[in-house]
N, C-alpha and C. Protein backbone atom coordinates (compact mmCIF):
# COMPACT_ATOMS: atom_id res chain seq x y z
N UNK A 1 10.53 20.23 129.94
CA UNK A 1 10.08 18.92 129.51
C UNK A 1 10.66 17.81 130.40
N UNK A 2 11.92 17.99 130.83
CA UNK A 2 12.54 16.97 131.66
C UNK A 2 11.88 16.94 133.04
N UNK A 3 11.49 18.11 133.58
CA UNK A 3 10.82 18.13 134.87
C UNK A 3 9.48 17.42 134.81
N UNK A 4 8.76 17.56 133.69
CA UNK A 4 7.48 16.87 133.56
C UNK A 4 7.67 15.36 133.57
N UNK A 5 8.75 14.87 132.97
CA UNK A 5 9.03 13.45 132.97
C UNK A 5 9.43 12.97 134.36
N UNK A 6 10.14 13.83 135.10
CA UNK A 6 10.50 13.49 136.47
C UNK A 6 9.25 13.38 137.34
N UNK A 7 8.32 14.33 137.17
CA UNK A 7 7.07 14.27 137.92
C UNK A 7 6.26 13.03 137.54
N UNK A 8 6.30 12.66 136.28
CA UNK A 8 5.60 11.46 135.83
C UNK A 8 6.19 10.22 136.49
N UNK A 9 7.51 10.15 136.55
CA UNK A 9 8.18 9.00 137.17
C UNK A 9 7.81 8.87 138.64
N UNK A 10 7.95 9.97 139.39
CA UNK A 10 7.68 9.90 140.82
C UNK A 10 6.19 9.77 141.12
N UNK A 11 5.36 10.35 140.28
CA UNK A 11 3.91 10.16 140.45
C UNK A 11 3.50 8.72 140.19
N UNK A 12 4.07 8.11 139.16
CA UNK A 12 3.78 6.71 138.87
C UNK A 12 4.25 5.82 140.02
N UNK A 13 5.44 6.07 140.54
CA UNK A 13 5.94 5.27 141.66
C UNK A 13 5.07 5.45 142.90
N UNK A 14 4.62 6.67 143.16
CA UNK A 14 3.77 6.91 144.32
C UNK A 14 2.47 6.11 144.22
N UNK A 15 1.82 6.16 143.06
CA UNK A 15 0.55 5.45 142.92
C UNK A 15 0.75 3.93 142.90
N UNK A 16 1.87 3.46 142.41
CA UNK A 16 2.16 2.03 142.45
C UNK A 16 2.34 1.58 143.90
N UNK A 17 3.11 2.34 144.68
CA UNK A 17 3.31 1.97 146.08
C UNK A 17 2.02 2.12 146.89
N UNK A 18 1.22 3.09 146.58
CA UNK A 18 -0.07 3.23 147.25
C UNK A 18 -0.96 2.03 146.95
N UNK A 19 -0.98 1.60 145.69
CA UNK A 19 -1.77 0.43 145.30
C UNK A 19 -1.26 -0.83 146.00
N UNK A 20 0.06 -0.98 146.08
CA UNK A 20 0.64 -2.14 146.76
C UNK A 20 0.29 -2.12 148.25
N UNK A 21 0.31 -0.94 148.85
CA UNK A 21 -0.07 -0.82 150.26
C UNK A 21 -1.54 -1.19 150.47
N UNK A 22 -2.40 -0.78 149.55
CA UNK A 22 -3.82 -1.13 149.66
C UNK A 22 -3.99 -2.64 149.52
N UNK A 23 -3.26 -3.25 148.58
CA UNK A 23 -3.32 -4.70 148.44
C UNK A 23 -2.86 -5.40 149.71
N UNK A 24 -1.77 -4.91 150.29
CA UNK A 24 -1.23 -5.50 151.51
C UNK A 24 -2.18 -5.36 152.68
N UNK A 25 -2.89 -4.26 152.74
CA UNK A 25 -3.76 -3.97 153.88
C UNK A 25 -5.16 -4.54 153.75
N UNK A 26 -5.51 -5.05 152.58
CA UNK A 26 -6.86 -5.58 152.38
C UNK A 26 -6.97 -6.96 153.04
N UNK A 27 -7.85 -7.10 154.03
CA UNK A 27 -7.97 -8.40 154.69
C UNK A 27 -8.64 -9.42 153.78
N UNK A 28 -8.11 -10.63 153.80
CA UNK A 28 -8.70 -11.72 153.04
C UNK A 28 -8.33 -11.76 151.57
N UNK A 29 -7.53 -10.84 151.09
CA UNK A 29 -7.15 -10.81 149.68
C UNK A 29 -6.16 -11.92 149.35
N UNK A 30 -5.17 -12.11 150.21
CA UNK A 30 -4.19 -13.17 150.03
C UNK A 30 -4.49 -14.30 151.01
N UNK A 31 -4.33 -15.54 150.59
CA UNK A 31 -4.55 -16.64 151.54
C UNK A 31 -3.49 -16.62 152.64
N UNK A 32 -3.88 -17.11 153.80
CA UNK A 32 -2.95 -17.11 154.92
C UNK A 32 -2.04 -18.33 154.85
N UNK A 33 -0.79 -18.09 155.21
CA UNK A 33 0.24 -19.13 155.25
C UNK A 33 0.76 -19.16 156.68
N UNK A 34 0.48 -20.24 157.41
CA UNK A 34 0.81 -20.34 158.83
C UNK A 34 0.21 -19.19 159.62
N UNK A 35 -0.97 -18.76 159.22
CA UNK A 35 -1.67 -17.69 159.93
C UNK A 35 -1.17 -16.30 159.65
N UNK A 36 -0.33 -16.13 158.63
CA UNK A 36 0.19 -14.80 158.31
C UNK A 36 -0.14 -14.44 156.87
N UNK A 37 -0.10 -13.16 156.62
CA UNK A 37 -0.27 -12.66 155.25
C UNK A 37 1.05 -12.01 154.82
N UNK A 38 1.27 -11.85 153.52
CA UNK A 38 2.56 -11.32 153.08
C UNK A 38 2.70 -9.82 153.31
N UNK A 39 3.93 -9.39 153.44
CA UNK A 39 4.29 -7.98 153.47
C UNK A 39 4.77 -7.63 152.07
N UNK A 40 3.99 -6.87 151.33
CA UNK A 40 4.31 -6.59 149.94
C UNK A 40 5.17 -5.35 149.76
N UNK A 41 5.11 -4.43 150.70
CA UNK A 41 5.78 -3.14 150.51
C UNK A 41 7.30 -3.27 150.57
N UNK A 42 7.81 -4.24 151.34
CA UNK A 42 9.27 -4.40 151.44
C UNK A 42 9.88 -4.88 150.12
N UNK A 43 9.39 -5.99 149.54
CA UNK A 43 9.98 -6.40 148.27
C UNK A 43 9.81 -5.37 147.17
N UNK A 44 8.69 -4.67 147.18
CA UNK A 44 8.47 -3.64 146.15
C UNK A 44 9.47 -2.49 146.31
N UNK A 45 9.65 -2.02 147.53
CA UNK A 45 10.56 -0.89 147.76
C UNK A 45 12.01 -1.27 147.45
N UNK A 46 12.43 -2.45 147.85
CA UNK A 46 13.82 -2.85 147.63
C UNK A 46 14.10 -3.07 146.15
N UNK A 47 13.17 -3.73 145.44
CA UNK A 47 13.43 -3.99 144.02
C UNK A 47 13.40 -2.71 143.20
N UNK A 48 12.54 -1.77 143.53
CA UNK A 48 12.54 -0.49 142.82
C UNK A 48 13.81 0.29 143.15
N UNK A 49 14.26 0.21 144.40
CA UNK A 49 15.47 0.93 144.82
C UNK A 49 16.72 0.43 144.12
N UNK A 50 16.69 -0.79 143.66
CA UNK A 50 17.84 -1.34 142.94
C UNK A 50 18.09 -0.59 141.63
N UNK A 51 17.10 0.09 141.11
CA UNK A 51 17.22 0.81 139.84
C UNK A 51 17.38 2.32 140.04
N UNK A 52 17.51 2.77 141.28
CA UNK A 52 17.60 4.19 141.58
C UNK A 52 18.95 4.54 142.19
N UNK A 53 19.25 5.85 142.22
CA UNK A 53 20.44 6.31 142.93
C UNK A 53 20.19 6.26 144.43
N UNK A 54 21.24 6.42 145.22
CA UNK A 54 21.13 6.19 146.65
C UNK A 54 20.16 7.14 147.36
N UNK A 55 20.19 8.42 147.05
CA UNK A 55 19.28 9.37 147.70
C UNK A 55 17.83 9.10 147.28
N UNK A 56 17.63 8.77 146.02
CA UNK A 56 16.28 8.44 145.55
C UNK A 56 15.78 7.16 146.22
N UNK A 57 16.67 6.19 146.36
CA UNK A 57 16.29 4.93 147.01
C UNK A 57 15.95 5.15 148.48
N UNK A 58 16.71 6.01 149.15
CA UNK A 58 16.40 6.32 150.55
C UNK A 58 15.05 7.01 150.66
N UNK A 59 14.73 7.89 149.72
CA UNK A 59 13.42 8.55 149.73
C UNK A 59 12.30 7.55 149.49
N UNK A 60 12.52 6.61 148.59
CA UNK A 60 11.52 5.58 148.34
C UNK A 60 11.30 4.74 149.59
N UNK A 61 12.40 4.33 150.24
CA UNK A 61 12.28 3.55 151.46
C UNK A 61 11.58 4.30 152.57
N UNK A 62 11.91 5.57 152.72
CA UNK A 62 11.27 6.39 153.75
C UNK A 62 9.77 6.53 153.49
N UNK A 63 9.40 6.84 152.26
CA UNK A 63 7.98 7.01 151.93
C UNK A 63 7.21 5.71 152.08
N UNK A 64 7.79 4.60 151.61
CA UNK A 64 7.10 3.31 151.76
C UNK A 64 6.98 2.91 153.22
N UNK A 65 8.02 3.16 154.00
CA UNK A 65 7.95 2.85 155.41
C UNK A 65 6.93 3.69 156.16
N UNK A 66 6.86 4.97 155.83
CA UNK A 66 5.85 5.83 156.46
C UNK A 66 4.44 5.43 156.05
N UNK A 67 4.29 5.04 154.80
CA UNK A 67 2.99 4.56 154.32
C UNK A 67 2.58 3.31 155.09
N UNK A 68 3.51 2.41 155.28
CA UNK A 68 3.24 1.18 156.02
C UNK A 68 2.98 1.47 157.49
N UNK A 69 3.77 2.36 158.09
CA UNK A 69 3.56 2.72 159.49
C UNK A 69 2.23 3.42 159.73
N UNK A 70 1.82 4.24 158.78
CA UNK A 70 0.56 4.97 158.95
C UNK A 70 -0.64 4.04 158.94
N UNK A 71 -0.52 2.90 158.31
CA UNK A 71 -1.63 1.96 158.25
C UNK A 71 -1.59 0.90 159.33
N UNK A 72 -0.65 0.99 160.26
CA UNK A 72 -0.53 -0.04 161.28
C UNK A 72 -0.61 0.52 162.67
N UNK A 73 -0.70 -0.38 163.67
CA UNK A 73 -0.86 0.08 165.06
C UNK A 73 0.46 0.31 165.79
N UNK A 74 1.57 0.31 165.06
CA UNK A 74 2.87 0.40 165.72
C UNK A 74 3.43 1.82 165.65
N UNK A 75 4.59 1.98 166.22
CA UNK A 75 5.26 3.27 166.30
C UNK A 75 5.52 3.85 164.91
N UNK A 76 5.10 5.09 164.71
CA UNK A 76 5.30 5.75 163.43
C UNK A 76 6.79 6.03 163.22
N UNK A 77 7.34 5.53 162.16
CA UNK A 77 8.73 5.74 161.84
C UNK A 77 9.60 4.52 162.02
N UNK A 78 9.12 3.49 162.69
CA UNK A 78 9.93 2.29 162.91
C UNK A 78 10.28 1.63 161.58
N UNK A 79 9.28 1.28 160.80
CA UNK A 79 9.52 0.65 159.50
C UNK A 79 10.13 1.64 158.51
N UNK A 80 9.82 2.91 158.67
CA UNK A 80 10.37 3.92 157.76
C UNK A 80 11.89 3.99 157.88
N UNK A 81 12.40 3.97 159.09
CA UNK A 81 13.85 4.01 159.28
C UNK A 81 14.52 2.75 158.73
N UNK A 82 13.92 1.61 158.98
CA UNK A 82 14.49 0.36 158.50
C UNK A 82 14.49 0.32 156.98
N UNK A 83 13.35 0.66 156.37
CA UNK A 83 13.27 0.62 154.91
C UNK A 83 14.16 1.68 154.26
N UNK A 84 14.27 2.85 154.88
CA UNK A 84 15.13 3.87 154.32
C UNK A 84 16.59 3.39 154.28
N UNK A 85 17.05 2.83 155.38
CA UNK A 85 18.43 2.34 155.43
C UNK A 85 18.65 1.17 154.48
N UNK A 86 17.71 0.25 154.43
CA UNK A 86 17.88 -0.93 153.58
C UNK A 86 17.77 -0.60 152.10
N UNK A 87 16.87 0.30 151.73
CA UNK A 87 16.76 0.69 150.32
C UNK A 87 17.98 1.46 149.86
N UNK A 88 18.49 2.34 150.70
CA UNK A 88 19.72 3.06 150.37
C UNK A 88 20.89 2.09 150.26
N UNK A 89 20.97 1.14 151.18
CA UNK A 89 22.04 0.13 151.13
C UNK A 89 21.92 -0.74 149.88
N UNK A 90 20.70 -1.08 149.50
CA UNK A 90 20.50 -1.89 148.28
C UNK A 90 20.97 -1.13 147.06
N UNK A 91 20.64 0.14 146.98
CA UNK A 91 21.08 0.94 145.85
C UNK A 91 22.60 1.07 145.80
N UNK A 92 23.21 1.32 146.95
CA UNK A 92 24.66 1.43 147.00
C UNK A 92 25.35 0.11 146.67
N UNK A 93 24.78 -0.99 147.14
CA UNK A 93 25.37 -2.29 146.82
C UNK A 93 25.28 -2.61 145.33
N UNK A 94 24.16 -2.24 144.72
CA UNK A 94 24.03 -2.46 143.27
C UNK A 94 25.00 -1.55 142.52
N UNK A 95 25.20 -0.35 143.01
CA UNK A 95 26.10 0.59 142.34
C UNK A 95 27.56 0.15 142.45
N UNK A 96 27.98 -0.31 143.63
CA UNK A 96 29.40 -0.54 143.86
C UNK A 96 29.82 -2.00 144.01
N UNK A 97 28.95 -2.88 144.43
CA UNK A 97 29.37 -4.24 144.75
C UNK A 97 28.73 -5.35 143.92
N UNK A 98 27.49 -5.19 143.56
CA UNK A 98 26.74 -6.28 142.95
C UNK A 98 26.25 -5.90 141.56
N UNK A 99 25.88 -6.90 140.82
CA UNK A 99 25.20 -6.66 139.55
C UNK A 99 23.71 -6.59 139.79
N UNK A 100 23.04 -5.87 138.94
CA UNK A 100 21.60 -5.73 139.08
C UNK A 100 20.94 -6.89 138.32
N UNK A 101 20.76 -8.02 139.03
CA UNK A 101 20.11 -9.18 138.43
C UNK A 101 19.16 -9.79 139.44
N UNK A 102 18.52 -10.87 139.03
CA UNK A 102 17.49 -11.48 139.85
C UNK A 102 18.07 -12.06 141.15
N UNK A 103 19.25 -12.65 141.09
CA UNK A 103 19.88 -13.20 142.29
C UNK A 103 20.17 -12.10 143.31
N UNK A 104 20.63 -10.97 142.84
CA UNK A 104 20.87 -9.84 143.74
C UNK A 104 19.56 -9.37 144.37
N UNK A 105 18.50 -9.37 143.59
CA UNK A 105 17.20 -8.98 144.14
C UNK A 105 16.74 -9.95 145.22
N UNK A 106 16.96 -11.24 145.01
CA UNK A 106 16.60 -12.22 146.04
C UNK A 106 17.41 -12.02 147.31
N UNK A 107 18.71 -11.79 147.16
CA UNK A 107 19.57 -11.60 148.33
C UNK A 107 19.19 -10.33 149.09
N UNK A 108 19.07 -9.22 148.38
CA UNK A 108 18.77 -7.94 149.04
C UNK A 108 17.34 -7.92 149.60
N UNK A 109 16.39 -8.43 148.84
CA UNK A 109 15.00 -8.43 149.31
C UNK A 109 14.79 -9.34 150.51
N UNK A 110 15.36 -10.54 150.44
CA UNK A 110 15.21 -11.46 151.57
C UNK A 110 15.98 -10.96 152.79
N UNK A 111 17.15 -10.37 152.57
CA UNK A 111 17.89 -9.80 153.68
C UNK A 111 17.13 -8.69 154.37
N UNK A 112 16.48 -7.84 153.58
CA UNK A 112 15.68 -6.76 154.17
C UNK A 112 14.48 -7.31 154.92
N UNK A 113 13.82 -8.31 154.35
CA UNK A 113 12.68 -8.93 155.03
C UNK A 113 13.10 -9.55 156.36
N UNK A 114 14.22 -10.26 156.36
CA UNK A 114 14.70 -10.90 157.60
C UNK A 114 15.09 -9.85 158.62
N UNK A 115 15.82 -8.82 158.20
CA UNK A 115 16.23 -7.77 159.13
C UNK A 115 15.03 -7.06 159.75
N UNK A 116 14.06 -6.68 158.94
CA UNK A 116 12.88 -6.00 159.46
C UNK A 116 12.11 -6.90 160.41
N UNK A 117 11.96 -8.18 160.05
CA UNK A 117 11.20 -9.11 160.89
C UNK A 117 11.90 -9.34 162.23
N UNK A 118 13.21 -9.50 162.20
CA UNK A 118 13.93 -9.72 163.45
C UNK A 118 13.93 -8.48 164.34
N UNK A 119 14.07 -7.32 163.74
CA UNK A 119 14.00 -6.09 164.54
C UNK A 119 12.61 -5.88 165.12
N UNK A 120 11.57 -6.16 164.34
CA UNK A 120 10.20 -6.05 164.84
C UNK A 120 9.98 -7.02 165.99
N UNK A 121 10.40 -8.26 165.81
CA UNK A 121 10.25 -9.27 166.86
C UNK A 121 11.00 -8.86 168.12
N UNK A 122 12.22 -8.36 167.96
CA UNK A 122 13.03 -7.99 169.11
C UNK A 122 12.43 -6.79 169.84
N UNK A 123 12.12 -5.71 169.11
CA UNK A 123 11.68 -4.49 169.77
C UNK A 123 10.24 -4.54 170.26
N UNK A 124 9.40 -5.34 169.63
CA UNK A 124 8.00 -5.37 170.05
C UNK A 124 7.63 -6.56 170.91
N UNK A 125 8.48 -7.60 170.95
CA UNK A 125 8.10 -8.78 171.72
C UNK A 125 9.16 -9.22 172.72
N UNK A 126 10.41 -9.22 172.35
CA UNK A 126 11.44 -9.71 173.26
C UNK A 126 11.69 -8.71 174.38
N UNK A 127 11.81 -7.45 174.04
CA UNK A 127 12.11 -6.44 175.06
C UNK A 127 10.98 -6.30 176.07
N UNK A 128 9.73 -6.38 175.63
CA UNK A 128 8.60 -6.12 176.51
C UNK A 128 8.04 -7.38 177.18
N UNK A 129 8.63 -8.51 176.91
CA UNK A 129 8.13 -9.75 177.49
C UNK A 129 9.13 -10.29 178.51
N UNK A 130 8.63 -10.97 179.50
CA UNK A 130 9.51 -11.55 180.50
C UNK A 130 10.12 -12.87 180.02
N UNK A 131 9.54 -13.45 178.98
CA UNK A 131 10.09 -14.69 178.43
C UNK A 131 10.38 -14.48 176.94
N UNK A 132 11.36 -15.17 176.45
CA UNK A 132 11.73 -15.08 175.05
C UNK A 132 10.69 -15.82 174.22
N UNK A 133 10.16 -15.16 173.23
CA UNK A 133 9.08 -15.73 172.46
C UNK A 133 9.60 -16.33 171.16
N UNK A 134 10.28 -17.46 171.31
CA UNK A 134 10.86 -18.14 170.15
C UNK A 134 9.77 -18.75 169.29
N UNK A 135 8.69 -19.20 169.91
CA UNK A 135 7.60 -19.79 169.13
C UNK A 135 6.97 -18.77 168.18
N UNK A 136 6.86 -17.53 168.61
CA UNK A 136 6.35 -16.48 167.73
C UNK A 136 7.28 -16.28 166.54
N UNK A 137 8.57 -16.30 166.81
CA UNK A 137 9.55 -16.16 165.73
C UNK A 137 9.47 -17.32 164.75
N UNK A 138 9.40 -18.53 165.25
CA UNK A 138 9.43 -19.70 164.38
C UNK A 138 8.12 -19.95 163.64
N UNK A 139 7.00 -19.67 164.27
CA UNK A 139 5.72 -20.03 163.68
C UNK A 139 4.93 -18.87 163.10
N UNK A 140 5.41 -17.66 163.27
CA UNK A 140 4.70 -16.52 162.71
C UNK A 140 5.61 -15.62 161.89
N UNK A 141 6.72 -15.20 162.48
CA UNK A 141 7.59 -14.21 161.84
C UNK A 141 8.33 -14.80 160.64
N UNK A 142 8.99 -15.92 160.82
CA UNK A 142 9.75 -16.51 159.72
C UNK A 142 8.87 -17.02 158.57
N UNK A 143 7.69 -17.63 158.85
CA UNK A 143 6.81 -17.96 157.70
C UNK A 143 6.34 -16.71 156.95
N UNK A 144 6.16 -15.61 157.64
CA UNK A 144 5.77 -14.37 156.97
C UNK A 144 6.89 -13.87 156.05
N UNK A 145 8.13 -14.02 156.50
CA UNK A 145 9.28 -13.65 155.68
C UNK A 145 9.32 -14.52 154.42
N UNK A 146 9.14 -15.82 154.60
CA UNK A 146 9.17 -16.74 153.44
C UNK A 146 8.02 -16.44 152.47
N UNK A 147 6.84 -16.18 152.99
CA UNK A 147 5.68 -15.86 152.16
C UNK A 147 5.91 -14.55 151.40
N UNK A 148 6.49 -13.58 152.07
CA UNK A 148 6.74 -12.28 151.43
C UNK A 148 7.86 -12.37 150.40
N UNK A 149 8.82 -13.24 150.63
CA UNK A 149 9.95 -13.38 149.70
C UNK A 149 9.51 -13.92 148.34
N UNK A 150 8.40 -14.61 148.30
CA UNK A 150 7.88 -15.12 147.03
C UNK A 150 7.54 -13.96 146.09
N UNK A 151 7.17 -12.83 146.64
CA UNK A 151 6.75 -11.69 145.84
C UNK A 151 7.92 -10.86 145.31
N UNK A 152 9.14 -11.25 145.67
CA UNK A 152 10.29 -10.57 145.10
C UNK A 152 10.35 -10.81 143.59
N UNK A 153 9.95 -12.00 143.16
CA UNK A 153 10.02 -12.37 141.73
C UNK A 153 9.20 -11.41 140.87
N UNK A 154 7.88 -11.26 141.09
CA UNK A 154 7.14 -10.35 140.21
C UNK A 154 7.52 -8.89 140.38
N UNK A 155 7.89 -8.49 141.60
CA UNK A 155 8.27 -7.09 141.81
C UNK A 155 9.59 -6.75 141.12
N UNK A 156 10.55 -7.68 141.11
CA UNK A 156 11.81 -7.39 140.44
C UNK A 156 11.59 -7.22 138.94
N UNK A 157 10.88 -8.16 138.33
CA UNK A 157 10.68 -8.06 136.90
C UNK A 157 9.76 -6.90 136.53
N UNK A 158 8.82 -6.58 137.40
CA UNK A 158 7.99 -5.39 137.18
C UNK A 158 8.78 -4.11 137.31
N UNK A 159 9.68 -4.04 138.27
CA UNK A 159 10.51 -2.85 138.44
C UNK A 159 11.48 -2.70 137.27
N UNK A 160 12.01 -3.82 136.79
CA UNK A 160 12.92 -3.75 135.64
C UNK A 160 12.18 -3.28 134.39
N UNK A 161 10.95 -3.76 134.20
CA UNK A 161 10.14 -3.32 133.06
C UNK A 161 9.80 -1.84 133.19
N UNK A 162 9.37 -1.42 134.37
CA UNK A 162 9.01 -0.03 134.61
C UNK A 162 10.21 0.89 134.43
N UNK A 163 11.37 0.45 134.89
CA UNK A 163 12.58 1.26 134.72
C UNK A 163 12.92 1.42 133.25
N UNK A 164 12.78 0.37 132.46
CA UNK A 164 13.04 0.47 131.03
C UNK A 164 12.07 1.42 130.33
N UNK A 165 10.81 1.37 130.70
CA UNK A 165 9.82 2.27 130.10
C UNK A 165 10.05 3.72 130.51
N UNK A 166 10.42 3.94 131.77
CA UNK A 166 10.67 5.31 132.22
C UNK A 166 11.95 5.86 131.63
N UNK A 167 12.94 5.00 131.39
CA UNK A 167 14.16 5.46 130.74
C UNK A 167 13.93 5.84 129.28
N UNK A 168 12.98 5.17 128.63
CA UNK A 168 12.65 5.52 127.25
C UNK A 168 12.04 6.92 127.18
N UNK A 169 11.32 7.31 128.22
CA UNK A 169 10.70 8.64 128.24
C UNK A 169 11.73 9.74 128.38
N UNK A 170 12.84 9.48 129.07
CA UNK A 170 13.82 10.53 129.35
C UNK A 170 14.78 10.69 128.24
């Protein structure tokens, strides 16, 4: 009976992340802010990872990152490695250093968004360009981080609600 509940939990999380990825990938669904659309998979993965153990959080980050990488034109595994490390770090920080509250979700989610955006900008634009593309960072990357950070609010409260319902089942 416990294994069936475990399968229910991970199956529900898989379909939720798949739905979030479809929402993120649908063109024209969200209005553009400074010419960018939000990245929904990062806030969702980090906020769900705050309620999981470290190995489970790393698995969530890896799966969400691979899902995101599979739908994009970039190197497969780039976002997966970043999300795996950040989700595991978020879980460990909640376990040992921080309380699991909304402020922690804002700090961890925004930190992950900023880290991923800066690494993407550095590895895909700064290294391969002869000039530093600060305008891309200021007018595209950082507004995308701010737009995506808005979605930490519903994802945190949704993850907290989902965690409470799944704990009732166990």
